[in-house]
Amino acid sequence: MPPLSFPVVAVVVIFLGWLFSCINILNEYERGVIFRLGRVLPQPKGPGLIFVFKPFDRIVRVALRTIVLDVPPQDIITKDNVSVKVNAVVYFRAVDPLRAILQVENYIYATSQLSQTTLRSILGQASLDELLSEREKLSQELQEVIDQHTDPWGVKVTQVAIKQVDLPQDMQRAMALQAQAEREKRAKIINADGEFQASQTLANAAEIMAQNPITMQLRYLQTLTQISAENASTIVFPVPVEFLGGLLKGRDKA
């Protein structure tokens, strides 16, 4: 068998190189949008092994996994004219590879810009108290608005979470003073409520002792027992009036 000439070997090598370049392997989370002579094929390809007939075909890979987008801090003026910085996290994914490529140039960048503008717009309509206490509600509203605008691009926004709200220093001090005043108010209310309940208990005890005077004598004896258990000392203990009344009655009889 005569040896192959150099042109034949070159053609074979070029053909094999072209053949291998036409073979593409797409992962399970990837789809390939094929453009043939500038026109898109109706169905995306993948996953697995696909053949792209170059140079007439061109493939654009689209990942279907959820993308986590960190929205940088945005300067927001709330409804009550408080300037704050708010950042958020947006979770989204491409559900329609064809629309994600045909309807927008870069769907990730477009979703990022849309998230920033929507964040400023929605949170600017809320007051500072709502921004601090109703994050879940505002996050749900952001998710619905962003998803509504990205739906024509074949992008589904699954969740939006407000990460952090940075307040000015003077506002932080004012809120700290307000929280301290609120704590002192609750402490005074609890203290007053305790004194009121104690006074009610003492009043009930006084009524019971007034109905049965012997209870007062027993209380005196109990107090005397508690005092005598302490260190030795001289104790001046008042004698109940009932005892004196009994002695006076005995003297009158005598």
Protein backbone atom coordinates (compact mmCIF):
# COMPACT_ATOMS: atom_id res chain seq x y z
CA MET A 1 0.00 0.00 0.00
CA PRO A 2 1.59 3.31 -1.09
CA PRO A 3 2.04 5.93 1.65
CA LEU A 4 -0.46 8.74 1.81
CA SER A 5 0.63 12.03 0.37
CA PHE A 6 0.88 15.16 2.53
CA PRO A 7 -2.21 16.86 1.02
CA VAL A 8 -4.34 13.83 1.80
CA VAL A 9 -3.06 13.68 5.37
CA ALA A 10 -3.73 17.41 5.79
CA VAL A 11 -7.25 17.03 4.47
CA VAL A 12 -7.90 14.11 6.83
CA VAL A 13 -6.55 16.06 9.82
CA ILE A 14 -8.62 19.13 8.92
CA PHE A 15 -11.72 16.99 8.48
CA LEU A 16 -11.23 15.29 11.83
CA GLY A 17 -10.64 18.67 13.49
CA TRP A 18 -13.83 20.04 11.94
CA LEU A 19 -15.76 16.94 12.97
CA PHE A 20 -14.64 17.18 16.58
CA SER A 21 -15.44 20.90 16.66
CA CYS A 22 -18.98 20.11 15.54
CA ILE A 23 -19.53 17.74 18.46
CA ASN A 24 -20.83 19.43 21.61
CA ILE A 25 -21.69 17.91 24.97
CA LEU A 26 -24.31 19.70 27.03
CA ASN A 27 -24.75 19.07 30.75
CA GLU A 28 -28.07 18.14 32.31
CA TYR A 29 -28.70 21.76 33.34
CA GLU A 30 -27.82 23.20 29.90
CA ARG A 31 -29.72 23.67 26.67
CA GLY A 32 -28.34 24.71 23.28
CA VAL A 33 -30.14 27.23 21.07
CA ILE A 34 -29.10 26.52 17.47
CA PHE A 35 -28.93 29.26 14.80
CA ARG A 36 -28.79 27.87 11.26
CA LEU A 37 -27.84 30.48 8.69
CA GLY A 38 -29.05 33.14 11.14
CA ARG A 39 -32.43 31.52 11.78
CA VAL A 40 -33.15 29.87 15.11
CA LEU A 41 -34.28 26.25 15.19
CA PRO A 42 -37.69 25.81 16.85
CA GLN A 43 -36.46 23.45 19.57
CA PRO A 44 -33.39 23.88 21.78
CA LYS A 45 -31.01 20.92 21.88
CA GLY A 46 -29.67 18.93 24.79
CA PRO A 47 -28.73 17.63 27.19
CA GLY A 48 -26.15 15.12 26.02
CA LEU A 49 -24.24 14.82 22.76
CA ILE A 50 -25.35 17.11 19.93
CA PHE A 51 -23.92 17.82 16.50
CA VAL A 52 -23.56 21.39 15.25
CA PHE A 53 -22.94 21.65 11.52
CA LYS A 54 -20.35 24.44 11.41
CA PRO A 55 -20.02 27.03 9.97
CA PHE A 56 -23.68 27.06 9.01
CA ASP A 57 -24.85 26.35 12.57
CA ARG A 58 -24.03 28.33 15.69
CA ILE A 59 -24.87 27.21 19.23
CA VAL A 60 -25.64 29.39 22.25
CA ARG A 61 -25.61 27.64 25.60
CA VAL A 62 -28.26 28.56 28.19
CA ALA A 63 -27.99 27.40 31.81
CA LEU A 64 -31.27 26.41 33.46
CA ARG A 65 -29.97 26.45 37.03
CA THR A 66 -31.14 29.05 39.53
CA ILE A 67 -28.92 32.14 39.48
CA VAL A 68 -28.29 34.04 42.71
CA LEU A 69 -27.97 37.76 42.00
CA ASP A 70 -26.67 40.08 44.71
CA VAL A 71 -28.23 43.51 44.19
CA PRO A 72 -25.75 46.20 45.33
CA PRO A 73 -26.87 48.72 48.00
CA GLN A 74 -29.31 51.26 46.64
CA ASP A 75 -29.90 54.78 47.99
CA ILE A 76 -33.59 54.97 48.82
CA ILE A 77 -35.68 57.82 50.25
CA THR A 78 -38.66 56.34 52.09
CA LYS A 79 -42.17 57.75 52.12
CA ASP A 80 -41.42 59.61 55.37
CA ASN A 81 -38.26 61.21 53.86
CA VAL A 82 -35.61 59.03 55.50
CA SER A 83 -32.52 58.24 53.41
CA VAL A 84 -31.42 54.59 53.74
CA LYS A 85 -29.28 52.09 51.86
CA VAL A 86 -30.90 48.74 51.04
CA ASN A 87 -29.46 45.68 49.31
CA ALA A 88 -31.23 42.49 48.32
CA VAL A 89 -30.78 39.05 46.78
CA VAL A 90 -32.73 37.88 43.71
CA TYR A 91 -33.14 34.21 42.76
CA PHE A 92 -34.14 33.57 39.15
CA ARG A 93 -33.71 31.04 36.35
CA ALA A 94 -34.26 30.79 32.61
CA VAL A 95 -37.32 28.62 31.92
CA ASP A 96 -37.52 29.27 28.16
CA PRO A 97 -34.06 29.22 26.49
CA LEU A 98 -35.39 30.52 23.16
CA ARG A 99 -36.97 33.67 24.63
CA ALA A 100 -34.00 34.20 26.96
CA ILE A 101 -31.75 34.49 23.89
CA LEU A 102 -34.11 36.10 21.36
CA GLN A 103 -35.97 38.65 23.49
CA VAL A 104 -33.07 40.24 25.37
CA GLU A 105 -29.37 40.63 24.68
CA ASN A 106 -28.15 39.51 28.14
CA TYR A 107 -30.93 38.29 30.40
CA ILE A 108 -28.70 38.16 33.51
CA TYR A 109 -27.58 41.78 33.15
CA ALA A 110 -31.10 42.89 32.23
CA THR A 111 -32.55 41.17 35.32
CA SER A 112 -29.89 42.83 37.47
CA GLN A 113 -30.71 46.32 36.21
CA LEU A 114 -34.44 45.70 36.50
CA SER A 115 -34.02 44.50 40.09
CA GLN A 116 -32.15 47.67 41.07
CA THR A 117 -34.72 50.04 39.59
CA THR A 118 -37.65 48.06 41.01
CA LEU A 119 -36.02 48.00 44.44
CA ARG A 120 -35.75 51.79 44.49
CA SER A 121 -39.28 52.22 43.16
CA ILE A 122 -41.14 49.83 45.48
CA LEU A 123 -39.24 50.54 48.70
CA GLY A 124 -39.47 54.29 48.09
CA GLN A 125 -43.25 53.98 48.52
CA ALA A 126 -42.91 52.45 52.01
CA SER A 127 -42.25 54.19 55.31
CA LEU A 128 -39.24 53.41 57.48
CA ASP A 129 -41.33 51.41 59.98
CA GLU A 130 -42.78 49.31 57.15
CA LEU A 131 -39.31 48.77 55.71
CA LEU A 132 -38.02 47.47 59.05
CA SER A 133 -41.04 45.44 60.19
CA GLU A 134 -42.65 44.20 56.95
CA ARG A 135 -39.70 42.86 54.97
CA GLU A 136 -41.53 39.69 53.96
CA LYS A 137 -44.44 41.62 52.49
CA LEU A 138 -42.15 44.00 50.59
CA SER A 139 -39.98 41.11 49.35
CA GLN A 140 -43.09 39.35 48.01
CA GLU A 141 -44.17 42.54 46.24
CA LEU A 142 -40.70 42.93 44.70
CA GLN A 143 -40.74 39.33 43.49
CA GLU A 144 -44.13 39.75 41.81
CA VAL A 145 -43.20 43.00 40.06
CA ILE A 146 -39.80 41.79 38.81
CA ASP A 147 -41.22 38.46 37.68
CA GLN A 148 -43.96 40.24 35.75
CA HIS A 149 -41.36 42.23 33.79
CA THR A 150 -39.00 39.30 33.16
CA ASP A 151 -41.71 36.90 32.01
CA PRO A 152 -41.47 38.04 28.31
CA TRP A 153 -37.76 37.14 28.47
CA GLY A 154 -38.48 33.57 29.55
CA VAL A 155 -37.02 34.26 33.00
CA LYS A 156 -38.76 33.19 36.21
CA VAL A 157 -37.98 35.10 39.42
CA THR A 158 -38.57 32.68 42.27
CA GLN A 159 -37.62 34.77 45.30
CA VAL A 160 -36.45 38.21 46.38
CA ALA A 161 -35.00 38.74 49.86
CA ILE A 162 -34.11 42.09 51.43
CA LYS A 163 -30.72 41.50 53.06
CA GLN A 164 -29.85 44.65 54.97
CA VAL A 165 -31.17 48.13 55.68
CA ASP A 166 -28.45 50.66 56.59
CA LEU A 167 -29.73 53.65 58.56
CA PRO A 168 -27.95 57.00 59.06
CA GLN A 169 -26.10 57.45 62.36
CA ASP A 170 -28.49 60.08 63.72
CA MET A 171 -31.45 57.84 62.92
CA GLN A 172 -29.80 54.91 64.67
CA ARG A 173 -29.28 57.03 67.80
CA ALA A 174 -32.88 58.25 67.70
CA MET A 175 -34.18 54.69 67.36
CA ALA A 176 -31.94 53.53 70.22
CA LEU A 177 -33.35 56.28 72.47
CA GLN A 178 -36.87 55.36 71.42
CA ALA A 179 -36.25 51.69 72.20
CA GLN A 180 -34.77 52.59 75.60
CA ALA A 181 -37.78 54.78 76.41
CA GLU A 182 -40.10 51.98 75.36
CA ARG A 183 -38.27 49.52 77.65
CA GLU A 184 -38.44 51.96 80.58
CA LYS A 185 -42.14 52.46 79.91
CA ARG A 186 -42.80 48.71 80.00
CA ALA A 187 -40.72 48.36 83.19
CA LYS A 188 -42.73 51.10 84.94
CA ILE A 189 -46.01 49.56 83.80
CA ILE A 190 -44.95 46.13 85.06
CA ASN A 191 -43.77 47.65 88.38
CA ALA A 192 -47.02 49.58 88.84
CA ASP A 193 -49.06 46.49 87.98
CA GLY A 194 -47.11 44.48 90.56
CA GLU A 195 -47.69 47.11 93.26
CA PHE A 196 -51.39 47.20 92.38
CA GLN A 197 -51.71 43.43 92.68
CA ALA A 198 -49.77 43.50 95.98
CA SER A 199 -52.06 46.21 97.36
CA GLN A 200 -55.10 44.19 96.33
CA THR A 201 -53.70 41.13 98.09
CA LEU A 202 -53.00 43.16 101.25
CA ALA A 203 -56.49 44.63 101.14
CA ASN A 204 -58.02 41.15 100.85
CA ALA A 205 -55.85 39.93 103.72
CA ALA A 206 -56.92 42.91 105.87
CA GLU A 207 -60.59 42.15 105.22
CA ILE A 208 -60.12 38.52 106.24
CA MET A 209 -58.27 39.50 109.43
CA ALA A 210 -60.96 42.06 110.27
CA GLN A 211 -63.62 39.36 110.07
CA ASN A 212 -61.65 37.02 112.38
CA PRO A 213 -59.46 38.88 114.94
CA ILE A 214 -57.71 35.70 116.03
CA THR A 215 -55.82 35.69 112.75
CA MET A 216 -54.12 38.92 113.75
CA GLN A 217 -52.87 37.28 116.95
CA LEU A 218 -51.58 34.29 114.98
CA ARG A 219 -49.78 36.67 112.65
CA TYR A 220 -48.15 38.37 115.62
CA LEU A 221 -47.01 35.03 116.98
CA GLN A 222 -45.63 34.01 113.59
CA THR A 223 -43.69 37.27 113.33
CA LEU A 224 -42.31 36.74 116.82
CA THR A 225 -41.15 33.23 115.86
CA GLN A 226 -39.35 34.57 112.77
CA ILE A 227 -37.64 37.32 114.79
CA SER A 228 -36.50 34.94 117.51
CA ALA A 229 -34.81 32.73 114.91
CA GLU A 230 -32.32 35.53 114.15
CA ASN A 231 -29.30 36.49 116.24
CA ALA A 232 -29.88 37.15 119.93
CA SER A 233 -31.03 40.71 120.49
CA THR A 234 -33.45 42.74 122.54
CA ILE A 235 -36.85 42.82 120.88
CA VAL A 236 -39.66 45.19 121.76
CA PHE A 237 -42.79 43.41 120.60
CA PRO A 238 -46.11 45.27 120.67
CA VAL A 239 -48.89 43.49 122.54
CA PRO A 240 -52.10 43.16 120.53
CA VAL A 241 -55.05 45.19 121.75
CA GLU A 242 -57.06 41.98 122.14
CA PHE A 243 -54.68 40.79 124.86
CA LEU A 244 -55.06 44.06 126.75
CA GLY A 245 -58.83 43.84 126.42
CA GLY A 246 -58.80 40.39 128.04
CA LEU A 247 -56.69 41.64 130.95
CA LEU A 248 -58.96 44.65 131.50
CA LYS A 249 -62.02 42.40 131.59
CA GLY A 250 -60.37 40.20 134.22
CA ARG A 251 -59.56 43.26 136.36
CA ASP A 252 -63.12 44.52 136.19
CA LYS A 253 -64.47 41.16 137.35
CA ALA A 254 -62.05 41.14 140.28
